[in-house]
Amino acid sequence: MGTEASGHSPVVGSADDPLPEALSLARGAAEAGLGLKLLGGLAVRVICPDFAPRLRAGQDMDFACTAKSRKEVAAYLERSGCQPDRRFNNLNGDRQMYFNAPSGRPIDVMVDRLVMCHTLDFRPSFGNLPFTVDAIDVLLSKLQIVELNEKDVWDTFHLLSGVPVGGPGPAADSRAEQAAGGRHAAGRGAAAGSAPGGQDARGERGERGERGDRGAYLDTDRFAKLLGGDWGWWRTVTGNLAKLPSLATEKAHLLPREAPYEPLAQARHLHEVAESAPKGAKWKMRARMGDRVRWYELPEEVDH
């Protein structure tokens, strides 16, 4: 993901706000039958549209696509007026592609996975939502960062405040609602087709993610499977979840106001899911080594 320039703060919906252009590209790809899904802070804005957004000057647009459709996605972006970095894409296109949007904004497209402190494979849940990667993957892309900065904490608190923790059935939803502290003011009472987190499951022209009317939720099954299969992931994510109560006190300005879900209660629920997830022999063997051996990678910025 790219480096952001400094400058004035953009105004929501203005030419300096990257979301309209980014969402137009994602929507156009969906209409063309292609998967080009938003990542990062822009994905948080789509999933949690009722909160005041985090805006930064010079913000790039981060997307994901799958390897099997990357050539079609690249062709679509070029047809949409985006200029490819051909040398970079020829060398790295199997894992990342780089373009400049018609506005001049940088576009990073991650192919199949995000490789940072840990590797997050988007493919198992890629089709769940129409314009973003799955909500739990957006959250995991933040919680996998060993040294969180303020924008990572902002995004984490907003996702935990705006999207319910849940699983693929009503029983799991009931348990999640109890864990969320009873602040379920919006969500499953929303109109059919409107995702609890704000992303319309059908899109504006009837496109559907695989979840149909259910929309966005923080999928405990995917969360448990990932953390139960990899001790390094478990160590970083549970460590970051444990930091949230003190961060909520020290940096209260990073929490949204009038949120439908209590973020710390939802974080505790996810922590309990991580603790109770079945662990295999490989996980237990790595756990015995503990922090004596580094469990995460040190990501390097890729030059374009």
Protein backbone atom coordinates (compact mmCIF):
# COMPACT_ATOMS: atom_id res chain seq x y z
CA MET A 1 0.00 0.00 0.00
CA GLY A 2 1.32 3.37 -1.00
CA THR A 3 2.64 6.40 0.79
CA GLU A 4 0.32 9.35 1.27
CA ALA A 5 1.25 12.94 0.53
CA SER A 6 0.79 15.76 2.93
CA GLY A 7 -1.49 18.73 2.27
CA HIS A 8 -4.90 20.15 3.04
CA SER A 9 -7.69 17.92 4.33
CA PRO A 10 -10.25 16.96 1.64
CA VAL A 11 -13.97 17.60 1.99
CA VAL A 12 -16.38 14.65 1.86
CA GLY A 13 -17.73 14.21 -1.65
CA SER A 14 -15.42 16.82 -3.17
CA ALA A 15 -12.95 16.24 -5.97
CA ASP A 16 -10.30 15.74 -3.28
CA ASP A 17 -12.25 12.90 -1.65
CA PRO A 18 -11.06 9.59 -3.16
CA LEU A 19 -14.14 7.56 -2.23
CA PRO A 20 -16.49 8.54 -5.10
CA GLU A 21 -13.87 7.65 -7.69
CA ALA A 22 -12.85 4.43 -5.88
CA LEU A 23 -16.43 3.30 -5.40
CA SER A 24 -17.22 4.08 -9.04
CA LEU A 25 -14.37 1.79 -10.12
CA ALA A 26 -15.50 -0.99 -7.76
CA ARG A 27 -19.13 -0.66 -8.88
CA GLY A 28 -18.17 -0.62 -12.55
CA ALA A 29 -16.11 -3.78 -12.06
CA ALA A 30 -19.05 -5.49 -10.35
CA GLU A 31 -21.35 -4.52 -13.24
CA ALA A 32 -18.79 -6.03 -15.63
CA GLY A 33 -18.77 -9.26 -13.62
CA LEU A 34 -15.30 -8.64 -12.19
CA GLY A 35 -14.10 -8.67 -8.60
CA LEU A 36 -12.30 -5.44 -7.71
CA LYS A 37 -12.85 -4.89 -3.98
CA LEU A 38 -11.87 -1.97 -1.80
CA LEU A 39 -9.42 -2.38 1.08
CA GLY A 40 -8.27 -0.20 3.95
CA GLY A 41 -9.82 3.05 5.11
CA LEU A 42 -12.02 3.41 2.03
CA ALA A 43 -13.48 -0.03 2.65
CA VAL A 44 -14.23 1.02 6.23
CA ARG A 45 -16.14 4.04 4.89
CA VAL A 46 -18.24 1.85 2.60
CA ILE A 47 -18.97 -0.72 5.30
CA CYS A 48 -19.64 1.92 8.00
CA PRO A 49 -21.16 4.85 6.08
CA ASP A 50 -23.00 6.39 9.04
CA PHE A 51 -19.82 7.44 10.85
CA ALA A 52 -17.80 10.57 10.18
CA PRO A 53 -15.03 9.48 7.80
CA ARG A 54 -11.29 9.58 8.25
CA LEU A 55 -10.05 11.81 5.43
CA ARG A 56 -6.45 12.44 4.48
CA ALA A 57 -4.94 14.45 1.67
CA GLY A 58 -3.15 12.38 -0.97
CA GLN A 59 -4.87 9.15 0.04
CA ASP A 60 -4.36 6.31 -2.43
CA MET A 61 -7.00 3.79 -3.39
CA ASP A 62 -6.32 0.23 -2.26
CA PHE A 63 -8.10 -2.69 -3.92
CA ALA A 64 -7.93 -6.46 -4.07
CA CYS A 65 -8.60 -8.87 -6.91
CA THR A 66 -8.04 -12.57 -7.49
CA ALA A 67 -5.21 -14.00 -9.56
CA LYS A 68 -7.59 -15.75 -11.92
CA SER A 69 -9.17 -12.43 -12.92
CA ARG A 70 -6.20 -10.08 -12.63
CA LYS A 71 -5.68 -9.69 -16.40
CA GLU A 72 -9.35 -8.86 -16.89
CA VAL A 73 -9.23 -6.44 -13.94
CA ALA A 74 -6.13 -4.74 -15.37
CA ALA A 75 -7.84 -4.39 -18.75
CA TYR A 76 -10.95 -2.97 -17.08
CA LEU A 77 -8.91 -0.37 -15.20
CA GLU A 78 -7.18 0.69 -18.41
CA ARG A 79 -10.55 1.00 -20.16
CA SER A 80 -11.66 3.16 -17.23
CA GLY A 81 -8.83 5.60 -17.88
CA CYS A 82 -6.31 4.29 -15.33
CA GLN A 83 -2.67 4.34 -16.39
CA PRO A 84 -0.71 1.19 -15.51
CA ASP A 85 2.86 1.10 -14.31
CA ARG A 86 3.76 -1.51 -16.92
CA ARG A 87 7.26 -2.24 -15.67
CA PHE A 88 6.10 -2.73 -12.08
CA ASN A 89 3.09 -4.80 -13.15
CA ASN A 90 5.16 -7.01 -15.43
CA LEU A 91 7.57 -7.74 -12.59
CA ASN A 92 5.08 -8.00 -9.70
CA GLY A 93 1.63 -8.51 -11.23
CA ASP A 94 1.21 -11.96 -9.76
CA ARG A 95 0.98 -10.36 -6.30
CA GLN A 96 0.42 -6.61 -6.77
CA MET A 97 -0.46 -4.17 -9.54
CA TYR A 98 -0.08 -0.40 -9.65
CA PHE A 99 -2.02 2.22 -11.62
CA ASN A 100 -2.74 5.93 -11.62
CA ALA A 101 -6.45 6.79 -11.67
CA PRO A 102 -7.88 9.39 -14.06
CA SER A 103 -7.66 11.85 -11.15
CA GLY A 104 -3.97 11.08 -10.76
CA ARG A 105 -4.46 9.20 -7.49
CA PRO A 106 -2.32 6.09 -6.99
CA ILE A 107 -4.12 2.74 -7.13
CA ASP A 108 -2.66 -0.39 -5.51
CA VAL A 109 -4.30 -3.70 -6.36
CA MET A 110 -3.36 -6.63 -4.13
CA VAL A 111 -3.67 -9.98 -5.90
CA ASP A 112 -5.19 -12.80 -3.79
CA ARG A 113 -3.55 -11.71 -0.55
CA LEU A 114 -2.16 -8.89 1.55
CA VAL A 115 1.39 -9.55 2.72
CA MET A 116 2.45 -7.38 5.64
CA CYS A 117 3.27 -8.49 9.18
CA HIS A 118 1.25 -11.60 8.32
CA THR A 119 -0.26 -12.94 5.11
CA LEU A 120 -4.01 -12.48 4.70
CA ASP A 121 -5.53 -14.55 1.89
CA PHE A 122 -8.72 -12.88 0.65
CA ARG A 123 -9.93 -15.74 -1.53
CA PRO A 124 -12.03 -17.73 0.97
CA SER A 125 -14.39 -14.77 1.56
CA PHE A 126 -13.75 -12.64 -1.51
CA GLY A 127 -17.27 -12.80 -2.91
CA ASN A 128 -19.18 -12.04 0.28
CA LEU A 129 -19.67 -8.29 -0.26
CA PRO A 130 -20.08 -6.48 -3.58
CA PHE A 131 -17.65 -3.56 -3.34
CA THR A 132 -15.22 -4.38 -0.51
CA VAL A 133 -13.40 -7.42 0.76
CA ASP A 134 -15.25 -9.08 3.61
CA ALA A 135 -15.64 -7.01 6.79
CA ILE A 136 -13.65 -9.49 8.88
CA ASP A 137 -10.80 -9.28 6.36
CA VAL A 138 -10.78 -5.48 6.59
CA LEU A 139 -10.57 -5.82 10.38
CA LEU A 140 -7.87 -8.51 10.20
CA SER A 141 -5.85 -6.32 7.83
CA LYS A 142 -5.66 -3.84 10.72
CA LEU A 143 -5.25 -6.25 13.63
CA GLN A 144 -2.33 -8.04 11.92
CA ILE A 145 -0.17 -4.90 12.21
CA VAL A 146 2.31 -5.30 15.05
CA GLU A 147 2.79 -1.56 15.57
CA LEU A 148 -0.61 0.08 15.20
CA ASN A 149 -0.78 3.74 14.26
CA GLU A 150 -3.71 6.09 14.82
CA LYS A 151 -5.41 5.42 11.50
CA ASP A 152 -5.26 1.66 12.16
CA VAL A 153 -6.81 2.17 15.60
CA TRP A 154 -9.47 4.49 14.12
CA ASP A 155 -10.43 1.90 11.51
CA THR A 156 -10.47 -0.89 14.08
CA PHE A 157 -12.75 1.00 16.46
CA HIS A 158 -15.10 2.02 13.65
CA LEU A 159 -15.47 -1.53 12.36
CA LEU A 160 -16.08 -2.86 15.87
CA SER A 161 -18.59 -0.06 16.48
CA GLY A 162 -20.49 -0.38 13.22
CA VAL A 163 -20.51 -4.05 12.22
CA PRO A 164 -21.89 -6.91 14.36
CA VAL A 165 -19.76 -9.85 15.34
CA GLY A 166 -21.53 -12.94 14.08
CA GLY A 167 -21.47 -16.32 12.42
CA PRO A 168 -23.39 -18.13 9.69
CA GLY A 169 -26.51 -18.86 11.75
CA PRO A 170 -29.14 -17.29 14.04
CA ALA A 171 -27.71 -18.94 17.16
CA ALA A 172 -24.32 -17.37 16.54
CA ASP A 173 -25.99 -14.03 15.89
CA SER A 174 -27.87 -14.23 19.20
CA ARG A 175 -24.66 -14.93 21.11
CA ALA A 176 -22.93 -12.07 19.30
CA GLU A 177 -25.72 -9.62 20.13
CA GLN A 178 -25.43 -10.50 23.81
CA ALA A 179 -21.65 -10.03 23.61
CA ALA A 180 -22.10 -6.66 21.91
CA GLY A 181 -23.50 -5.20 25.10
CA GLY A 182 -27.09 -4.70 23.97
CA ARG A 183 -26.38 -1.55 21.91
CA HIS A 184 -27.93 -3.06 18.81
CA ALA A 185 -29.75 0.09 17.74
CA ALA A 186 -29.33 -0.54 14.03
CA GLY A 187 -28.67 -3.64 12.00
CA ARG A 188 -31.05 -6.52 11.63
CA GLY A 189 -34.01 -4.17 11.76
CA ALA A 190 -32.77 -2.50 8.59
CA ALA A 191 -34.69 -2.77 5.36
CA ALA A 192 -34.18 -5.90 3.29
CA GLY A 193 -31.10 -5.58 1.10
CA SER A 194 -29.39 -3.05 3.36
CA ALA A 195 -26.37 -4.46 5.11
CA PRO A 196 -26.17 -3.90 8.89
CA GLY A 197 -22.79 -2.27 8.42
CA GLY A 198 -24.13 0.00 5.70
CA GLN A 199 -22.94 -1.71 2.51
CA ASP A 200 -25.98 -2.54 0.41
CA ALA A 201 -25.78 -6.26 -0.26
CA ARG A 202 -27.27 -5.71 -3.71
CA GLY A 203 -25.43 -2.52 -4.67
CA GLU A 204 -27.26 0.27 -6.45
CA ARG A 205 -28.08 -1.80 -9.54
CA GLY A 206 -29.01 -5.11 -7.97
CA GLU A 207 -25.55 -6.70 -7.71
CA ARG A 208 -25.27 -9.11 -4.80
CA GLY A 209 -22.45 -10.41 -2.74
CA GLU A 210 -22.73 -14.08 -1.86
CA ARG A 211 -24.36 -13.19 1.46
CA GLY A 212 -27.39 -11.67 -0.25
CA ASP A 213 -29.57 -9.65 2.12
CA ARG A 214 -27.50 -10.46 5.19
CA GLY A 215 -24.72 -8.03 4.37
CA ALA A 216 -21.68 -7.26 6.48
CA TYR A 217 -20.79 -8.97 9.73
CA LEU A 218 -17.54 -9.86 11.47
CA ASP A 219 -17.39 -13.56 10.68
CA THR A 220 -16.32 -15.50 13.76
CA ASP A 221 -15.93 -18.74 11.79
CA ARG A 222 -13.32 -17.27 9.46
CA PHE A 223 -11.67 -15.45 12.37
CA ALA A 224 -11.40 -18.64 14.45
CA LYS A 225 -10.11 -20.75 11.56
CA LEU A 226 -7.34 -18.28 10.70
CA LEU A 227 -6.16 -17.70 14.27
CA GLY A 228 -6.55 -21.35 15.27
CA GLY A 229 -4.33 -22.39 12.38
CA ASP A 230 -1.46 -19.94 12.87
CA TRP A 231 0.05 -19.05 16.24
CA GLY A 232 1.72 -15.91 14.85
CA TRP A 233 -1.62 -14.55 13.66
CA TRP A 234 -3.16 -15.45 17.03
CA ARG A 235 -0.35 -13.76 18.96
CA THR A 236 -0.55 -10.47 17.07
CA VAL A 237 -4.33 -10.22 16.86
CA THR A 238 -5.04 -11.12 20.48
CA GLY A 239 -2.27 -8.76 21.57
CA ASN A 240 -3.87 -5.91 19.65
CA LEU A 241 -7.36 -6.72 20.94
CA ALA A 242 -5.95 -6.59 24.48
CA LYS A 243 -4.60 -3.07 23.81
CA LEU A 244 -7.97 -1.64 22.81
CA PRO A 245 -9.35 -0.79 26.30
CA SER A 246 -6.36 1.41 27.13
CA LEU A 247 -6.40 2.94 23.65
CA ALA A 248 -10.11 3.75 24.07
CA THR A 249 -9.22 5.69 27.21
CA GLU A 250 -6.07 7.38 25.92
CA LYS A 251 -7.38 8.17 22.43
CA ALA A 252 -11.12 8.54 22.90
CA HIS A 253 -11.29 10.82 19.85
CA LEU A 254 -10.70 7.77 17.66
CA LEU A 255 -14.02 6.19 18.66
CA PRO A 256 -17.19 7.05 16.71
CA ARG A 257 -20.12 8.68 18.47
CA GLU A 258 -23.54 7.07 18.87
CA ALA A 259 -22.36 3.68 17.62
CA PRO A 260 -24.85 0.81 17.34
CA TYR A 261 -22.37 -1.68 18.84
CA GLU A 262 -20.11 -1.42 21.86
CA PRO A 263 -16.60 -1.83 20.40
CA LEU A 264 -14.85 -3.11 23.51
CA ALA A 265 -17.56 -5.71 24.12
CA GLN A 266 -17.21 -6.87 20.53
CA ALA A 267 -13.41 -6.97 20.91
CA ARG A 268 -13.79 -9.12 24.04
CA HIS A 269 -16.06 -11.47 22.13
CA LEU A 270 -13.50 -11.83 19.34
CA HIS A 271 -10.79 -12.43 21.94
CA GLU A 272 -12.91 -15.24 23.42
CA VAL A 273 -13.38 -16.71 19.94
CA ALA A 274 -9.60 -16.69 19.43
CA GLU A 275 -9.00 -18.36 22.79
CA SER A 276 -11.59 -21.08 22.24
CA ALA A 277 -10.74 -21.81 18.58
CA PRO A 278 -9.46 -25.37 18.02
CA LYS A 279 -5.66 -25.42 17.78
CA GLY A 280 -3.67 -27.98 15.83
CA ALA A 281 -0.33 -29.63 16.56
CA LYS A 282 1.59 -27.09 14.48
CA TRP A 283 -0.01 -24.20 16.40
CA LYS A 284 0.82 -25.79 19.77
CA MET A 285 4.39 -26.52 18.76
CA ARG A 286 4.94 -22.91 17.71
CA ALA A 287 3.25 -21.67 20.90
CA ARG A 288 5.87 -23.48 22.99
CA MET A 289 8.55 -21.31 21.36
CA GLY A 290 6.57 -18.19 22.23
CA ASP A 291 8.07 -14.74 21.81
CA ARG A 292 11.64 -16.02 21.83
CA VAL A 293 11.39 -16.27 18.05
CA ARG A 294 9.88 -13.42 16.02
CA TRP A 295 6.40 -14.39 14.86
CA TYR A 296 5.80 -11.64 12.28
CA GLU A 297 7.41 -10.19 9.19
CA LEU A 298 8.74 -6.64 8.84
CA PRO A 299 6.97 -5.36 5.71
CA GLU A 300 8.87 -3.22 3.25
CA GLU A 301 7.32 -0.60 1.01
CA VAL A 302 7.48 -1.67 -2.63
CA ASP A 303 8.84 1.05 -4.93
CA HIS A 304 6.70 1.93 -7.95
